[in-house]
Amino acid sequence: MSYDGMSLTPLFHSEISSSHLLFTVFDNHRDIASDFVAHFLSLPATDITPYREKNYSGQGSIDVFLGGKSGGIKTHVLIETKVHDYASARFGQIVNYYEAARERLPNGHVRLVYLTQFSGSNDPSAQGASVPDTIKEFTRSRSCLAGIHEQNITHVNWEEFHKFLDRHKKSLTTEERLMVELHYAWIRAKTDKDVKDNTVDVGKRDILDYFEGVSLNLQQALPFGKVEDRKQRRILTIDLQQLRHEELDKVLDTINALASSQSVGQKHARQTPEDTLSAAKARLCALTENVSDWPLLSFYARLFGLVNSTNHILLHGTGSKGFAIRVDIVGKGPVSLCTLWNNGTIEFSLKR
């Protein structure tokens, strides 16, 4: 049976409802709770006991807490849930909870799961939406916990959780299965709506309709790309790893030409966030490891240098899947000039 997800909003709008559903499944089925820890944290856990709203003095209450053992060592798994990724993330919350739990269990295993609409594996910025605060909060938290502790926090999205739960559906009661199905229908609809609501609607126009005064044909200027129609857009995809040095220069020159358009607003300086700069540095460092990647390293270094030295160009994204280069078009707002994916490709929207 299918459901109109957004019509279920009264049931799940409160994050308390989602965390209560999670707790109920774990409390009634301790084996599912143990498998959750093993599946997402690679930690075999036994004697799991779930709790709701476990309080940490001065820091607040974690939504769901799993106490147990792993290899005979006491284990605490904290689960913080969010269903409004663009509105309810709290700065510093992950680190505060994690450090508070470590103080209470200094010689045990402490893990934290951040269960939200979006994570690095479904980052909505790849679809042109702004990066939700939950992804920013998780990225900042990993930076704060750099070293062995950063591996002890895990970001999971609800889509991944429901796929995990699929293999346990036969163990659930009829009522539990119904509630899980309703929640899945709602969170999918809510996620789709949030992506749409946080995406700039640029209409169906050619890319040069936005970048006035630029006299070039992208397909002719970059003939080594592949054109395809996707999601009501015509995309030019280029595999940077296959390009010669002079071809990489042409890509960089094209980006520079578009960013220099007379329609690009230059009055207001735009500063790339620190977490994005850190991700860009990490991308460059990763490319130094293999000699075969050095031509690409040179391209990225020059491109990131251009963005960093030009106030009206913004590098956007967390680097989990890649980056978008954005500019403000006078009278239209922010537009993605191109998208750089971590698989070594770059995309231009020829028509959108």
Foldseek 3Di string as FASTA:
>chain_A
DADQQQVCCVQPVDVLNVLVLVQVVCQVPVVLVQVVCCVFQVFRWPPWHKDAQCDQPPQGTFGMWIWTDTPNFTEIETEHEDLCQQPDDDAPNVVVVQVSVCVVRVPGHYAYEYEYADELVCQLVVVQFAGGVVHVRLLVNLVVVPDPCSSRYYYHYVVRVLVSCVVVLVVDDPVSNVVSSSVVSNSVVSSVVNSVVRHQDPDWFFPCVQQPPQPDDVCVLQVQWDWDDDPNFIKTKHQQLPDDLVNLVSVLVVLVSSCPGPQFDQPDFDAEDPLQVVLLVVLLVVLVPDPSSVSVSVSSVVNVVVQRVRRQWYWHDNNSFWTFIWTQGVPRGIDTQWTQGSSRMIMGGRTD
